[in-house]
Amino acid sequence: MHDILRYQRGEWPEAVVAILSSAEGFRTAVVRESGTNPNERCHLETIARMEIRSEAVRLGGSRLVRGLLWYALDGLAQAHAIFQEEPGFLGAYCHGMMHRREGDFWNANYWFRAAGKAPFGMFEAGFSPERLTDACERAVHGDQEEVIQRLAEEAARILDHLFRREVPSKTKPSAETD
């Protein structure tokens, strides 16, 4: 089971859960080599052929889902091809996530700044993609387990957002005003 499934909050399409259920989790926070291990190549082929019904994904995000699955399986070249073509917050944010996993930390933070503020409720209060990037950079030569779990949770929150059927209210609860 992939680490991302530990953080699933909402309902995701069966095909997405099946791929993540049968895949290994992140082996390393930063992927220095392109490609995947041979056991996961079959998953990449499945992702390439996979059809994600548009009604299952809001915001027209089916390409982003495919990119996130490639990201989860260390297929960063495939993820990059998708993320760099996607407009808006999610395209820029996922592009930053991909650069972070490649070890291109400065560029990752550039894309997080370009993305702007995350939609309300997507991440836990106080979450900062730049701080997670700093943690990845520190973990390159040390213990990576905590950082790997944080990367998995971040990806799960984006998938939750893409598969959320209802659009959250634009007004914040009074306890969480700026």
N, C-alpha and C. Protein backbone atom coordinates (compact mmCIF):
# COMPACT_ATOMS: atom_id res chain seq x y z
N MET A 1 0.84 -1.18 0.00
CA MET A 1 0.00 0.00 0.00
C MET A 1 0.89 1.24 0.00
N HIS A 2 0.53 2.22 -0.82
CA HIS A 2 1.28 3.47 -0.89
C HIS A 2 0.95 4.32 0.33
N ASP A 3 1.96 5.06 0.79
CA ASP A 3 1.79 5.95 1.95
C ASP A 3 0.65 6.94 1.77
N ILE A 4 0.39 7.36 0.54
CA ILE A 4 -0.65 8.37 0.29
C ILE A 4 -2.01 7.90 0.81
N LEU A 5 -2.30 6.61 0.72
CA LEU A 5 -3.62 6.11 1.15
C LEU A 5 -3.84 6.27 2.65
N ARG A 6 -2.79 6.36 3.43
CA ARG A 6 -2.95 6.56 4.88
C ARG A 6 -3.65 7.87 5.20
N TYR A 7 -3.58 8.81 4.27
CA TYR A 7 -4.08 10.15 4.53
C TYR A 7 -5.36 10.46 3.75
N GLN A 8 -5.92 9.48 3.10
CA GLN A 8 -7.15 9.67 2.33
C GLN A 8 -8.29 10.02 3.27
N ARG A 9 -8.97 11.14 2.98
CA ARG A 9 -10.12 11.54 3.80
C ARG A 9 -11.44 11.35 3.08
N GLY A 10 -11.42 11.55 1.79
CA GLY A 10 -12.66 11.47 1.02
C GLY A 10 -12.75 10.19 0.21
N GLU A 11 -13.74 10.15 -0.66
CA GLU A 11 -13.95 9.00 -1.54
C GLU A 11 -13.21 9.24 -2.85
N TRP A 12 -12.37 8.27 -3.24
CA TRP A 12 -11.61 8.36 -4.47
C TRP A 12 -12.07 7.27 -5.42
N PRO A 13 -11.93 7.48 -6.73
CA PRO A 13 -12.32 6.44 -7.69
C PRO A 13 -11.57 5.13 -7.45
N GLU A 14 -12.26 4.05 -7.69
CA GLU A 14 -11.70 2.71 -7.45
C GLU A 14 -10.37 2.50 -8.17
N ALA A 15 -10.24 2.99 -9.39
CA ALA A 15 -9.00 2.79 -10.16
C ALA A 15 -7.81 3.45 -9.46
N VAL A 16 -8.01 4.62 -8.89
CA VAL A 16 -6.94 5.33 -8.20
C VAL A 16 -6.54 4.57 -6.94
N VAL A 17 -7.52 4.14 -6.17
CA VAL A 17 -7.24 3.39 -4.94
C VAL A 17 -6.55 2.07 -5.27
N ALA A 18 -6.96 1.41 -6.34
CA ALA A 18 -6.36 0.12 -6.72
C ALA A 18 -4.88 0.29 -7.04
N ILE A 19 -4.54 1.32 -7.79
CA ILE A 19 -3.13 1.55 -8.13
C ILE A 19 -2.33 1.83 -6.87
N LEU A 20 -2.82 2.72 -6.02
CA LEU A 20 -2.07 3.07 -4.81
C LEU A 20 -2.05 1.92 -3.80
N SER A 21 -3.07 1.06 -3.81
CA SER A 21 -3.09 -0.08 -2.89
C SER A 21 -2.04 -1.12 -3.25
N SER A 22 -1.74 -1.23 -4.53
CA SER A 22 -0.80 -2.26 -4.96
C SER A 22 0.60 -1.72 -5.22
N ALA A 23 0.83 -0.45 -4.93
CA ALA A 23 2.14 0.16 -5.17
C ALA A 23 2.87 0.37 -3.85
N GLU A 24 4.19 0.40 -3.95
CA GLU A 24 5.00 0.75 -2.78
C GLU A 24 4.87 2.24 -2.51
N GLY A 25 5.15 2.63 -1.29
CA GLY A 25 5.17 4.04 -0.96
C GLY A 25 6.43 4.70 -1.46
N PHE A 26 6.58 5.97 -1.15
CA PHE A 26 7.81 6.67 -1.52
C PHE A 26 8.99 5.97 -0.86
N ARG A 27 10.01 5.69 -1.62
CA ARG A 27 11.22 5.08 -1.05
C ARG A 27 12.19 6.14 -0.56
N THR A 28 12.11 7.31 -1.16
CA THR A 28 12.99 8.40 -0.80
C THR A 28 12.27 9.72 -1.03
N ALA A 29 12.61 10.72 -0.24
CA ALA A 29 11.97 12.02 -0.39
C ALA A 29 12.40 12.70 -1.68
N VAL A 30 13.66 12.54 -2.04
CA VAL A 30 14.22 13.16 -3.25
C VAL A 30 14.65 12.05 -4.18
N VAL A 31 14.13 12.07 -5.41
CA VAL A 31 14.44 11.06 -6.41
C VAL A 31 15.56 11.61 -7.28
N ARG A 32 16.73 11.04 -7.16
CA ARG A 32 17.88 11.54 -7.92
C ARG A 32 17.99 10.88 -9.29
N GLU A 33 17.37 9.71 -9.46
CA GLU A 33 17.44 9.01 -10.73
C GLU A 33 16.06 9.00 -11.37
N SER A 34 16.04 9.20 -12.67
CA SER A 34 14.78 9.15 -13.39
C SER A 34 14.36 7.70 -13.56
N GLY A 35 13.06 7.48 -13.61
CA GLY A 35 12.57 6.13 -13.83
C GLY A 35 11.99 5.52 -12.57
N THR A 36 11.51 4.32 -12.70
CA THR A 36 10.88 3.62 -11.59
C THR A 36 11.46 2.23 -11.47
N ASN A 37 11.16 1.58 -10.38
CA ASN A 37 11.64 0.21 -10.26
C ASN A 37 10.78 -0.71 -11.13
N PRO A 38 11.32 -1.84 -11.56
CA PRO A 38 10.61 -2.72 -12.51
C PRO A 38 9.25 -3.18 -12.01
N ASN A 39 9.07 -3.34 -10.71
CA ASN A 39 7.79 -3.79 -10.18
C ASN A 39 6.69 -2.76 -10.39
N GLU A 40 7.04 -1.50 -10.59
CA GLU A 40 6.04 -0.46 -10.73
C GLU A 40 5.82 -0.03 -12.18
N ARG A 41 6.59 -0.56 -13.11
CA ARG A 41 6.39 -0.20 -14.52
C ARG A 41 4.99 -0.58 -14.99
N CYS A 42 4.47 -1.71 -14.51
CA CYS A 42 3.11 -2.10 -14.91
C CYS A 42 2.10 -1.07 -14.43
N HIS A 43 2.34 -0.46 -13.26
CA HIS A 43 1.43 0.59 -12.78
C HIS A 43 1.46 1.80 -13.70
N LEU A 44 2.66 2.14 -14.19
CA LEU A 44 2.76 3.30 -15.07
C LEU A 44 1.99 3.06 -16.36
N GLU A 45 2.03 1.85 -16.86
CA GLU A 45 1.25 1.52 -18.06
C GLU A 45 -0.24 1.62 -17.77
N THR A 46 -0.65 1.17 -16.58
CA THR A 46 -2.05 1.26 -16.19
C THR A 46 -2.49 2.72 -16.10
N ILE A 47 -1.64 3.56 -15.52
CA ILE A 47 -1.96 4.98 -15.40
C ILE A 47 -2.10 5.60 -16.78
N ALA A 48 -1.20 5.25 -17.68
CA ALA A 48 -1.24 5.83 -19.03
C ALA A 48 -2.53 5.48 -19.75
N ARG A 49 -3.07 4.28 -19.50
CA ARG A 49 -4.31 3.84 -20.17
C ARG A 49 -5.57 4.19 -19.38
N MET A 50 -5.42 4.56 -18.15
CA MET A 50 -6.53 4.76 -17.24
C MET A 50 -7.45 5.89 -17.69
N GLU A 51 -8.74 5.65 -17.59
CA GLU A 51 -9.72 6.69 -17.87
C GLU A 51 -10.34 7.12 -16.55
N ILE A 52 -10.31 8.39 -16.30
CA ILE A 52 -10.90 8.94 -15.09
C ILE A 52 -12.12 9.73 -15.53
N ARG A 53 -13.28 9.26 -15.15
CA ARG A 53 -14.52 9.93 -15.58
C ARG A 53 -14.53 11.38 -15.08
N SER A 54 -14.89 12.28 -15.97
CA SER A 54 -14.86 13.69 -15.63
C SER A 54 -15.77 14.03 -14.46
N GLU A 55 -16.86 13.28 -14.31
CA GLU A 55 -17.76 13.58 -13.19
C GLU A 55 -17.17 13.15 -11.84
N ALA A 56 -16.12 12.32 -11.87
CA ALA A 56 -15.48 11.90 -10.63
C ALA A 56 -14.49 12.94 -10.12
N VAL A 57 -14.11 13.87 -10.99
CA VAL A 57 -13.09 14.85 -10.64
C VAL A 57 -13.64 16.24 -10.88
N ARG A 58 -13.52 17.09 -9.89
CA ARG A 58 -13.98 18.46 -10.10
C ARG A 58 -12.84 19.29 -10.67
N LEU A 59 -13.16 20.43 -11.16
CA LEU A 59 -12.20 21.38 -11.70
C LEU A 59 -11.51 20.86 -12.95
N GLY A 60 -12.06 19.86 -13.63
CA GLY A 60 -11.43 19.33 -14.83
C GLY A 60 -10.05 18.77 -14.55
N GLY A 61 -9.86 18.19 -13.38
CA GLY A 61 -8.53 17.78 -12.93
C GLY A 61 -8.10 16.37 -13.24
N SER A 62 -8.69 15.70 -14.22
CA SER A 62 -8.31 14.30 -14.46
C SER A 62 -6.85 14.17 -14.89
N ARG A 63 -6.31 15.14 -15.63
CA ARG A 63 -4.88 15.09 -15.98
C ARG A 63 -4.02 15.26 -14.74
N LEU A 64 -4.45 16.11 -13.82
CA LEU A 64 -3.70 16.27 -12.57
C LEU A 64 -3.69 14.99 -11.75
N VAL A 65 -4.80 14.27 -11.74
CA VAL A 65 -4.85 12.98 -11.02
C VAL A 65 -3.82 12.04 -11.62
N ARG A 66 -3.79 11.94 -12.93
CA ARG A 66 -2.82 11.08 -13.60
C ARG A 66 -1.39 11.52 -13.24
N GLY A 67 -1.14 12.82 -13.27
CA GLY A 67 0.18 13.34 -12.89
C GLY A 67 0.54 13.01 -11.46
N LEU A 68 -0.43 13.12 -10.56
CA LEU A 68 -0.16 12.79 -9.14
C LEU A 68 0.14 11.31 -8.96
N LEU A 69 -0.51 10.45 -9.75
CA LEU A 69 -0.20 9.02 -9.66
C LEU A 69 1.22 8.75 -10.16
N TRP A 70 1.60 9.39 -11.26
CA TRP A 70 2.98 9.24 -11.73
C TRP A 70 3.96 9.77 -10.70
N TYR A 71 3.63 10.88 -10.09
CA TYR A 71 4.46 11.46 -9.02
C TYR A 71 4.62 10.45 -7.87
N ALA A 72 3.52 9.81 -7.51
CA ALA A 72 3.54 8.85 -6.40
C ALA A 72 4.43 7.65 -6.70
N LEU A 73 4.56 7.30 -7.98
CA LEU A 73 5.36 6.14 -8.36
C LEU A 73 6.74 6.54 -8.89
N ASP A 74 7.16 7.75 -8.57
CA ASP A 74 8.46 8.28 -8.97
C ASP A 74 8.61 8.43 -10.47
N GLY A 75 7.54 8.48 -11.20
CA GLY A 75 7.58 8.76 -12.63
C GLY A 75 7.58 10.27 -12.84
N LEU A 76 8.66 10.91 -12.42
CA LEU A 76 8.69 12.37 -12.39
C LEU A 76 8.71 12.99 -13.78
N ALA A 77 9.30 12.34 -14.76
CA ALA A 77 9.29 12.89 -16.13
C ALA A 77 7.85 12.97 -16.64
N GLN A 78 7.06 11.92 -16.40
CA GLN A 78 5.67 11.92 -16.83
C GLN A 78 4.86 12.96 -16.06
N ALA A 79 5.11 13.04 -14.75
CA ALA A 79 4.41 14.03 -13.92
C ALA A 79 4.75 15.44 -14.39
N HIS A 80 6.02 15.68 -14.66
CA HIS A 80 6.47 17.01 -15.09
C HIS A 80 5.76 17.42 -16.38
N ALA A 81 5.65 16.50 -17.32
CA ALA A 81 5.00 16.81 -18.60
C ALA A 81 3.56 17.28 -18.40
N ILE A 82 2.89 16.72 -17.42
CA ILE A 82 1.50 17.12 -17.14
C ILE A 82 1.45 18.41 -16.35
N PHE A 83 2.19 18.47 -15.26
CA PHE A 83 2.09 19.62 -14.35
C PHE A 83 2.49 20.93 -15.03
N GLN A 84 3.49 20.91 -15.89
CA GLN A 84 3.92 22.16 -16.50
C GLN A 84 2.92 22.70 -17.51
N GLU A 85 1.98 21.86 -17.94
CA GLU A 85 0.96 22.30 -18.90
C GLU A 85 -0.36 22.70 -18.23
N GLU A 86 -0.49 22.41 -16.95
CA GLU A 86 -1.75 22.69 -16.25
C GLU A 86 -1.77 24.12 -15.71
N PRO A 87 -2.83 24.86 -15.99
CA PRO A 87 -2.92 26.25 -15.52
C PRO A 87 -3.38 26.32 -14.06
N GLY A 88 -3.26 27.46 -13.50
CA GLY A 88 -3.85 27.75 -12.20
C GLY A 88 -3.07 27.24 -11.01
N PHE A 89 -3.71 27.38 -9.86
CA PHE A 89 -3.07 27.02 -8.59
C PHE A 89 -2.57 25.58 -8.60
N LEU A 90 -3.43 24.62 -8.93
CA LEU A 90 -3.03 23.21 -8.82
C LEU A 90 -1.92 22.84 -9.78
N GLY A 91 -1.92 23.36 -10.99
CA GLY A 91 -0.84 23.08 -11.92
C GLY A 91 0.50 23.59 -11.40
N ALA A 92 0.52 24.84 -10.94
CA ALA A 92 1.75 25.42 -10.41
C ALA A 92 2.18 24.72 -9.12
N TYR A 93 1.23 24.42 -8.25
CA TYR A 93 1.57 23.78 -6.98
C TYR A 93 2.16 22.39 -7.21
N CYS A 94 1.50 21.60 -8.06
CA CYS A 94 2.00 20.25 -8.33
C CYS A 94 3.34 20.30 -9.05
N HIS A 95 3.55 21.31 -9.87
CA HIS A 95 4.84 21.50 -10.53
C HIS A 95 5.93 21.71 -9.47
N GLY A 96 5.62 22.49 -8.45
CA GLY A 96 6.54 22.69 -7.34
C GLY A 96 6.82 21.40 -6.58
N MET A 97 5.78 20.60 -6.35
CA MET A 97 5.97 19.32 -5.65
C MET A 97 6.94 18.42 -6.42
N MET A 98 6.77 18.40 -7.75
CA MET A 98 7.61 17.55 -8.59
C MET A 98 9.06 18.02 -8.53
N HIS A 99 9.30 19.34 -8.60
CA HIS A 99 10.67 19.85 -8.53
C HIS A 99 11.28 19.56 -7.16
N ARG A 100 10.48 19.60 -6.12
CA ARG A 100 10.99 19.29 -4.78
C ARG A 100 11.50 17.85 -4.72
N ARG A 101 10.71 16.92 -5.29
CA ARG A 101 11.13 15.50 -5.29
C ARG A 101 12.38 15.28 -6.14
N GLU A 102 12.61 16.14 -7.14
CA GLU A 102 13.81 16.04 -7.97
C GLU A 102 15.04 16.63 -7.27
N GLY A 103 14.83 17.30 -6.15
CA GLY A 103 15.94 17.94 -5.45
C GLY A 103 16.24 19.34 -5.97
N ASP A 104 15.36 19.89 -6.78
CA ASP A 104 15.50 21.24 -7.32
C ASP A 104 14.71 22.18 -6.40
N PHE A 105 15.26 22.40 -5.21
CA PHE A 105 14.53 23.05 -4.14
C PHE A 105 14.20 24.51 -4.43
N TRP A 106 15.14 25.26 -4.99
CA TRP A 106 14.87 26.66 -5.31
C TRP A 106 13.71 26.76 -6.29
N ASN A 107 13.74 25.95 -7.35
CA ASN A 107 12.70 25.97 -8.36
C ASN A 107 11.35 25.54 -7.77
N ALA A 108 11.38 24.57 -6.86
CA ALA A 108 10.15 24.15 -6.19
C ALA A 108 9.51 25.34 -5.48
N ASN A 109 10.29 26.07 -4.72
CA ASN A 109 9.74 27.21 -4.00
C ASN A 109 9.27 28.30 -4.94
N TYR A 110 9.93 28.47 -6.09
CA TYR A 110 9.45 29.41 -7.10
C TYR A 110 8.02 29.06 -7.51
N TRP A 111 7.77 27.76 -7.79
CA TRP A 111 6.44 27.34 -8.24
C TRP A 111 5.41 27.44 -7.12
N PHE A 112 5.82 27.23 -5.87
CA PHE A 112 4.86 27.40 -4.77
C PHE A 112 4.47 28.87 -4.65
N ARG A 113 5.43 29.78 -4.83
CA ARG A 113 5.10 31.22 -4.80
C ARG A 113 4.19 31.57 -5.98
N ALA A 114 4.49 31.02 -7.16
CA ALA A 114 3.68 31.28 -8.35
C ALA A 114 2.25 30.77 -8.17
N ALA A 115 2.10 29.66 -7.45
CA ALA A 115 0.76 29.08 -7.23
C ALA A 115 -0.11 30.01 -6.40
N GLY A 116 0.48 30.68 -5.44
CA GLY A 116 -0.30 31.55 -4.57
C GLY A 116 -0.90 30.75 -3.41
N LYS A 117 -1.91 31.32 -2.82
CA LYS A 117 -2.52 30.73 -1.63
C LYS A 117 -3.42 29.55 -1.98
N ALA A 118 -3.29 28.49 -1.20
CA ALA A 118 -4.11 27.28 -1.41
C ALA A 118 -5.57 27.57 -1.09
N PRO A 119 -6.49 26.90 -1.78
CA PRO A 119 -7.90 27.03 -1.44
C PRO A 119 -8.13 26.70 0.04
N PHE A 120 -9.03 27.43 0.65
CA PHE A 120 -9.33 27.24 2.06
C PHE A 120 -9.67 25.79 2.35
N GLY A 121 -9.03 25.23 3.37
CA GLY A 121 -9.33 23.88 3.82
C GLY A 121 -8.55 22.78 3.13
N MET A 122 -7.76 23.12 2.11
CA MET A 122 -7.01 22.07 1.41
C MET A 122 -5.95 21.46 2.32
N PHE A 123 -5.24 22.29 3.04
CA PHE A 123 -4.17 21.82 3.93
C PHE A 123 -4.49 22.22 5.37
N GLU A 124 -3.81 21.58 6.29
CA GLU A 124 -3.99 21.92 7.70
C GLU A 124 -3.52 23.35 7.95
N ALA A 125 -4.10 23.99 8.93
CA ALA A 125 -3.68 25.35 9.29
C ALA A 125 -2.19 25.35 9.61
N GLY A 126 -1.50 26.34 9.11
CA GLY A 126 -0.07 26.47 9.37
C GLY A 126 0.83 25.71 8.41
N PHE A 127 0.25 24.92 7.51
CA PHE A 127 1.07 24.17 6.55
C PHE A 127 1.77 25.14 5.60
N SER A 128 3.04 24.86 5.33
CA SER A 128 3.82 25.68 4.40
C SER A 128 4.58 24.78 3.45
N PRO A 129 4.34 24.88 2.13
CA PRO A 129 5.10 24.05 1.20
C PRO A 129 6.59 24.40 1.21
N GLU A 130 6.92 25.65 1.50
CA GLU A 130 8.33 26.04 1.57
C GLU A 130 9.03 25.38 2.76
N ARG A 131 8.34 25.28 3.90
CA ARG A 131 8.95 24.60 5.05
C ARG A 131 9.12 23.11 4.77
N LEU A 132 8.17 22.52 4.05
CA LEU A 132 8.32 21.11 3.68
C LEU A 132 9.49 20.94 2.72
N THR A 133 9.68 21.88 1.82
CA THR A 133 10.84 21.85 0.92
C THR A 133 12.13 21.92 1.72
N ASP A 134 12.19 22.80 2.71
CA ASP A 134 13.38 22.90 3.57
C ASP A 134 13.63 21.58 4.29
N ALA A 135 12.58 20.95 4.77
CA ALA A 135 12.72 19.66 5.46
C ALA A 135 13.24 18.59 4.50
N CYS A 136 12.78 18.60 3.26
CA CYS A 136 13.28 17.64 2.25
C CYS A 136 14.77 17.86 2.00
N GLU A 137 15.15 19.11 1.91
CA GLU A 137 16.56 19.41 1.66
C GLU A 137 17.44 18.93 2.81
N ARG A 138 16.97 19.12 4.04
CA ARG A 138 17.73 18.65 5.21
C ARG A 138 17.76 17.12 5.27
N ALA A 139 16.69 16.47 4.79
CA ALA A 139 16.58 15.01 4.90
C ALA A 139 17.37 14.26 3.84
N VAL A 140 17.89 14.95 2.85
CA VAL A 140 18.62 14.26 1.77
C VAL A 140 19.72 13.37 2.33
N HIS A 141 20.40 13.84 3.37
CA HIS A 141 21.50 13.07 3.96
C HIS A 141 21.18 12.55 5.35
N GLY A 142 19.90 12.46 5.67
CA GLY A 142 19.53 12.00 7.00
C GLY A 142 18.29 11.14 6.96
N ASP A 143 17.59 11.10 8.09
CA ASP A 143 16.37 10.31 8.22
C ASP A 143 15.26 10.95 7.40
N GLN A 144 14.66 10.18 6.51
CA GLN A 144 13.65 10.72 5.61
C GLN A 144 12.23 10.29 5.94
N GLU A 145 12.04 9.39 6.88
CA GLU A 145 10.71 8.82 7.10
C GLU A 145 9.65 9.87 7.40
N GLU A 146 9.93 10.81 8.30
CA GLU A 146 8.93 11.84 8.62
C GLU A 146 8.61 12.70 7.40
N VAL A 147 9.64 13.07 6.65
CA VAL A 147 9.43 13.89 5.46
C VAL A 147 8.62 13.12 4.41
N ILE A 148 8.91 11.85 4.24
CA ILE A 148 8.16 11.02 3.29
C ILE A 148 6.68 11.00 3.66
N GLN A 149 6.39 10.87 4.93
CA GLN A 149 4.99 10.87 5.37
C GLN A 149 4.33 12.22 5.11
N ARG A 150 5.06 13.31 5.29
CA ARG A 150 4.51 14.63 5.02
C ARG A 150 4.26 14.84 3.52
N LEU A 151 5.16 14.30 2.67
CA LEU A 151 4.94 14.37 1.22
C LEU A 151 3.70 13.58 0.82
N ALA A 152 3.52 12.42 1.43
CA ALA A 152 2.36 11.58 1.13
C ALA A 152 1.07 12.29 1.56
N GLU A 153 1.09 12.91 2.73
CA GLU A 153 -0.10 13.62 3.19
C GLU A 153 -0.42 14.80 2.28
N GLU A 154 0.59 15.52 1.83
CA GLU A 154 0.38 16.65 0.92
C GLU A 154 -0.30 16.18 -0.37
N ALA A 155 0.20 15.09 -0.95
CA ALA A 155 -0.39 14.56 -2.19
C ALA A 155 -1.83 14.09 -1.95
N ALA A 156 -2.07 13.46 -0.81
CA ALA A 156 -3.43 13.00 -0.48
C ALA A 156 -4.39 14.17 -0.35
N ARG A 157 -3.95 15.28 0.24
CA ARG A 157 -4.82 16.45 0.39
C ARG A 157 -5.21 17.01 -0.98
N ILE A 158 -4.29 16.98 -1.94
CA ILE A 158 -4.63 17.47 -3.28
C ILE A 158 -5.61 16.52 -3.95
N LEU A 159 -5.40 15.21 -3.81
CA LEU A 159 -6.36 14.25 -4.36
C LEU A 159 -7.72 14.41 -3.70
N ASP A 160 -7.76 14.59 -2.39
CA ASP A 160 -9.03 14.84 -1.70
C ASP A 160 -9.73 16.06 -2.31
N HIS A 161 -8.97 17.11 -2.56
CA HIS A 161 -9.53 18.33 -3.13
C HIS A 161 -10.09 18.06 -4.53
N LEU A 162 -9.36 17.32 -5.34
CA LEU A 162 -9.80 17.04 -6.70
C LEU A 162 -11.05 16.16 -6.74
N PHE A 163 -11.19 15.25 -5.76
CA PHE A 163 -12.32 14.33 -5.76
C PHE A 163 -13.48 14.81 -4.89
N ARG A 164 -13.35 15.94 -4.22
CA ARG A 164 -14.42 16.46 -3.38
C ARG A 164 -15.60 16.83 -4.25
N ARG A 165 -16.74 16.29 -3.93
CA ARG A 165 -17.94 16.53 -4.73
C ARG A 165 -18.53 17.92 -4.48
N GLU A 166 -18.53 18.35 -3.25
CA GLU A 166 -19.11 19.65 -2.94
C GLU A 166 -17.99 20.68 -2.89
N VAL A 167 -18.30 21.86 -3.29
CA VAL A 167 -17.34 22.95 -3.23
C VAL A 167 -17.52 23.63 -1.89
N PRO A 168 -16.42 23.73 -1.08
CA PRO A 168 -16.57 24.35 0.23
C PRO A 168 -16.99 25.81 0.12
N SER A 169 -17.64 26.28 1.16
CA SER A 169 -18.07 27.67 1.22
C SER A 169 -16.87 28.59 1.10
N LYS A 170 -17.07 29.73 0.45
CA LYS A 170 -15.97 30.69 0.30
C LYS A 170 -15.75 31.50 1.56
N THR A 171 -16.67 31.44 2.49
CA THR A 171 -16.51 32.18 3.73
C THR A 171 -15.85 31.29 4.76
N LYS A 172 -14.91 31.87 5.47
CA LYS A 172 -14.21 31.13 6.51
C LYS A 172 -15.02 31.17 7.80
N PRO A 173 -14.92 30.10 8.60
CA PRO A 173 -15.54 30.15 9.93
C PRO A 173 -14.89 31.28 10.72
N SER A 174 -15.64 31.90 11.58
CA SER A 174 -15.15 33.08 12.32
C SER A 174 -13.90 32.77 13.15
N ALA A 175 -13.71 31.55 13.61
CA ALA A 175 -12.55 31.19 14.44
C ALA A 175 -11.26 31.17 13.61
N GLU A 176 -11.36 31.13 12.28
CA GLU A 176 -10.16 31.02 11.45
C GLU A 176 -9.96 32.21 10.53
N THR A 177 -10.38 33.39 10.94
CA THR A 177 -10.20 34.55 10.10
C THR A 177 -8.76 35.03 10.21
N ASP A 178 -8.33 35.73 9.14
CA ASP A 178 -6.94 36.23 9.11
C ASP A 178 -6.70 37.36 10.05
